């Protein structure tokens, strides 16, 4: 183990993820560091849901953008990319990840965002074949809302296959793949719900 590795290991997680993202030697490794940084931001939003629950979709997404950039991961909110994309992360080697964010207002509403992500913004190509549906859930029982969304997507989506189910270890996400009409390659989507319901009884 080098002195440089020891120093990096002693940094806060967010900085380590940013360094890892920027020094990754493969797109899959880059994606892994990005998702760690995103999950940290989602957890922070959930922990502070009393303050964040009243925020708009754009304000919540800007909070994610700020968190990623503070970690050293270049992220932009609302850039033009075949339309106004909610969140775009770019990295070395042509890496591009796209996030489409929605406040949960029923599965049909989320489906519109999914169609935007997979048919308007996303073009499956090496390093550009991953994205995320970010669901801000201000309703109770977020995991049940996520299951409702998955059932709707499987029933109504074209050529959609669930590749990773929601689990006890990762209760707030599942993953799908679909065929990109532009390239014929597979586009991979993580569907991540962010619990923001706050209605204390005492």
Protein backbone atom coordinates (compact mmCIF):
# COMPACT_ATOMS: atom_id res chain seq x y z
CA UNK A 1 0.00 0.00 0.00
CA UNK A 2 1.45 3.35 -1.04
CA UNK A 3 1.54 6.50 1.06
CA UNK A 4 -0.89 8.07 -1.44
CA UNK A 5 -3.40 5.23 -0.91
CA UNK A 6 -3.13 5.59 2.87
CA UNK A 7 -3.84 9.33 2.62
CA UNK A 8 -6.85 8.79 0.35
CA UNK A 9 -8.27 6.15 2.72
CA UNK A 10 -8.18 8.72 5.54
CA UNK A 11 -10.30 11.26 3.64
CA UNK A 12 -14.03 11.66 4.25
CA UNK A 13 -16.16 9.30 2.17
CA UNK A 14 -17.49 12.03 -0.15
CA UNK A 15 -13.99 13.16 -1.11
CA UNK A 16 -12.82 9.57 -1.62
CA UNK A 17 -15.75 8.94 -3.94
CA UNK A 18 -14.90 12.05 -5.94
CA UNK A 19 -11.25 11.07 -6.23
CA UNK A 20 -12.25 7.52 -7.15
CA UNK A 21 -14.66 8.77 -9.80
CA UNK A 22 -12.06 11.02 -11.40
CA UNK A 23 -9.32 8.37 -11.32
CA UNK A 24 -11.44 5.38 -12.34
CA UNK A 25 -10.04 3.27 -15.17
CA UNK A 26 -13.40 1.93 -16.39
CA UNK A 27 -16.92 3.25 -16.85
CA UNK A 28 -18.34 0.63 -14.45
CA UNK A 29 -15.94 1.75 -11.73
CA UNK A 30 -16.88 5.39 -12.44
CA UNK A 31 -20.56 4.52 -12.08
CA UNK A 32 -19.96 2.74 -8.78
CA UNK A 33 -18.32 5.81 -7.23
CA UNK A 34 -21.06 8.07 -8.61
CA UNK A 35 -23.82 5.95 -7.11
CA UNK A 36 -22.08 5.95 -3.72
CA UNK A 37 -21.97 9.76 -3.79
CA UNK A 38 -25.60 9.96 -4.90
CA UNK A 39 -26.78 7.55 -2.19
CA UNK A 40 -25.03 9.69 0.39
CA UNK A 41 -26.88 12.77 -0.89
CA UNK A 42 -30.20 10.90 -0.88
CA UNK A 43 -29.62 9.82 2.72
CA UNK A 44 -28.86 13.41 3.72
CA UNK A 45 -32.12 14.57 2.12
CA UNK A 46 -34.03 11.85 3.99
CA UNK A 47 -32.35 12.66 7.30
CA UNK A 48 -33.31 16.34 6.88
CA UNK A 49 -36.73 15.65 5.33
CA UNK A 50 -38.47 18.10 7.67
CA UNK A 51 -36.57 20.91 5.96
CA UNK A 52 -36.42 19.44 2.44
CA UNK A 53 -39.94 17.99 2.04
CA UNK A 54 -41.48 21.38 1.15
CA UNK A 55 -38.89 22.00 -1.59
CA UNK A 56 -39.68 21.84 -5.29
CA UNK A 57 -38.39 19.19 -7.66
CA UNK A 58 -35.81 21.61 -9.08
CA UNK A 59 -34.63 22.73 -5.64
CA UNK A 60 -34.16 19.14 -4.48
CA UNK A 61 -32.22 18.29 -7.65
CA UNK A 62 -30.03 21.36 -7.27
CA UNK A 63 -29.16 20.08 -3.79
CA UNK A 64 -27.95 16.84 -5.38
CA UNK A 65 -25.93 18.79 -7.94
CA UNK A 66 -24.23 20.81 -5.21
CA UNK A 67 -23.39 17.68 -3.24
CA UNK A 68 -21.82 15.97 -6.25
CA UNK A 69 -19.76 19.01 -7.18
CA UNK A 70 -18.54 19.38 -3.61
CA UNK A 71 -17.34 15.77 -3.86
CA UNK A 72 -15.40 16.71 -6.99
CA UNK A 73 -17.82 15.10 -9.46
CA UNK A 74 -18.86 17.48 -12.25
CA UNK A 75 -22.66 17.67 -12.33
CA UNK A 76 -25.05 20.08 -14.03
CA UNK A 77 -28.73 20.76 -13.48
CA UNK A 78 -31.04 21.49 -16.42
CA UNK A 79 -28.51 21.51 -19.29
CA UNK A 80 -29.78 21.26 -22.87
CA UNK A 81 -29.33 17.72 -24.19
CA UNK A 82 -32.17 17.01 -26.56
CA UNK A 83 -34.27 18.77 -23.93
CA UNK A 84 -33.77 20.12 -20.42
CA UNK A 85 -32.19 17.30 -18.43
CA UNK A 86 -32.61 17.34 -14.65
CA UNK A 87 -29.10 16.12 -13.79
CA UNK A 88 -26.11 15.25 -15.96
CA UNK A 89 -22.74 13.93 -14.79
CA UNK A 90 -19.80 13.75 -17.18
CA UNK A 91 -16.40 12.18 -16.67
CA UNK A 92 -13.30 10.93 -18.41
CA UNK A 93 -13.42 8.78 -21.51
CA UNK A 94 -16.73 10.20 -22.69
CA UNK A 95 -18.64 9.03 -19.60
CA UNK A 96 -22.12 10.52 -19.32
CA UNK A 97 -24.83 9.66 -16.79
CA UNK A 98 -28.31 11.18 -16.91
CA UNK A 99 -30.76 11.58 -14.04
CA UNK A 100 -34.46 12.34 -14.46
CA UNK A 101 -36.09 13.51 -11.22
CA UNK A 102 -39.78 13.45 -10.31
CA UNK A 103 -41.79 14.13 -7.18
CA UNK A 104 -43.95 11.03 -6.72
CA UNK A 105 -47.43 11.77 -8.02
CA UNK A 106 -48.45 8.31 -9.12
CA UNK A 107 -46.83 5.78 -11.47
CA UNK A 108 -48.22 7.36 -14.65
CA UNK A 109 -46.44 10.62 -13.82
CA UNK A 110 -43.14 8.82 -13.22
CA UNK A 111 -43.62 6.95 -16.50
CA UNK A 112 -43.47 10.24 -18.39
CA UNK A 113 -40.05 10.92 -16.87
CA UNK A 114 -38.90 7.43 -17.73
CA UNK A 115 -39.87 7.94 -21.38
CA UNK A 116 -37.95 11.22 -21.41
CA UNK A 117 -34.88 9.55 -19.94
CA UNK A 118 -34.85 6.55 -22.27
CA UNK A 119 -36.15 8.04 -25.54
CA UNK A 120 -35.26 11.74 -25.47
CA UNK A 121 -32.06 12.16 -23.43
CA UNK A 122 -30.38 8.76 -23.23
CA UNK A 123 -28.54 7.21 -26.16
CA UNK A 124 -26.98 3.86 -25.29
CA UNK A 125 -23.29 3.89 -26.22
CA UNK A 126 -20.14 2.86 -24.35
CA UNK A 127 -19.88 5.01 -21.22
CA UNK A 128 -23.25 6.62 -21.95
CA UNK A 129 -25.60 3.74 -21.30
CA UNK A 130 -26.65 4.43 -17.70
CA UNK A 131 -29.14 6.73 -16.05
CA UNK A 132 -31.42 7.06 -13.09
CA UNK A 133 -35.03 7.79 -12.25
CA UNK A 134 -34.88 9.82 -9.03
CA UNK A 135 -38.20 9.74 -7.18
CA UNK A 136 -38.75 12.24 -4.37
CA UNK A 137 -41.48 10.61 -2.28
CA UNK A 138 -43.40 12.97 -0.01
CA UNK A 139 -46.06 10.31 0.58
CA UNK A 140 -45.88 7.63 3.28
CA UNK A 141 -44.60 4.08 2.67
CA UNK A 142 -41.99 4.90 0.05
CA UNK A 143 -41.11 1.25 -0.61
CA UNK A 144 -44.72 0.49 -1.50
CA UNK A 145 -44.75 3.46 -3.88
CA UNK A 146 -41.59 2.10 -5.49
CA UNK A 147 -43.23 -1.30 -5.94
CA UNK A 148 -46.27 0.40 -7.51
CA UNK A 149 -43.98 2.17 -9.95
CA UNK A 150 -42.16 -1.03 -10.87
CA UNK A 151 -45.42 -2.87 -11.57
CA UNK A 152 -46.62 -0.01 -13.79
CA UNK A 153 -43.33 0.11 -15.67
CA UNK A 154 -43.24 -3.64 -16.32
CA UNK A 155 -46.84 -3.56 -17.56
CA UNK A 156 -46.55 -0.48 -19.75
CA UNK A 157 -42.89 -0.16 -20.74
CA UNK A 158 -41.65 -1.33 -24.11
CA UNK A 159 -38.90 -3.98 -23.99
CA UNK A 160 -38.21 -3.35 -20.30
CA UNK A 161 -36.63 -6.06 -18.16
CA UNK A 162 -36.03 -5.86 -14.41
CA UNK A 163 -32.40 -6.85 -13.87
CA UNK A 164 -32.05 -6.22 -10.11
CA UNK A 165 -34.97 -6.42 -7.67
CA UNK A 166 -35.44 -4.35 -4.55
CA UNK A 167 -33.84 -6.15 -1.57
CA UNK A 168 -33.60 -5.81 2.21
CA UNK A 169 -30.04 -4.55 1.80
CA UNK A 170 -31.11 -2.02 -0.87
CA UNK A 171 -34.79 -1.37 -0.17
CA UNK A 172 -35.06 1.90 -2.08
CA UNK A 173 -34.01 0.83 -5.57
CA UNK A 174 -34.41 -1.59 -8.43
CA UNK A 175 -32.78 -1.70 -11.86
CA UNK A 176 -33.99 -2.20 -15.40
CA UNK A 177 -32.68 -2.43 -18.95
CA UNK A 178 -34.31 -1.49 -22.22
CA UNK A 179 -33.26 -1.46 -25.86
CA UNK A 180 -32.25 1.98 -27.13
CA UNK A 181 -34.03 2.63 -30.43
CA UNK A 182 -31.27 4.94 -31.65
CA UNK A 183 -28.41 2.44 -31.26
CA UNK A 184 -29.96 -0.96 -30.62
CA UNK A 185 -27.81 -1.28 -27.48
CA UNK A 186 -29.07 -1.72 -23.93
CA UNK A 187 -29.69 1.29 -21.70
CA UNK A 188 -29.49 0.59 -17.97
CA UNK A 189 -31.59 2.50 -15.45
CA UNK A 190 -31.51 2.57 -11.68
CA UNK A 191 -34.84 3.57 -10.11
CA UNK A 192 -34.14 5.19 -6.73
CA UNK A 193 -36.81 6.50 -4.37
CA UNK A 194 -35.94 9.13 -1.74
CA UNK A 195 -38.25 9.01 1.33
CA UNK A 196 -39.23 12.56 2.31
CA UNK A 197 -42.52 11.99 4.13
CA UNK A 198 -42.59 13.91 7.42
CA UNK A 199 -45.70 13.98 9.59
CA UNK A 200 -44.71 13.34 13.21
CA UNK A 201 -47.50 12.34 15.58
CA UNK A 202 -45.81 13.86 18.60
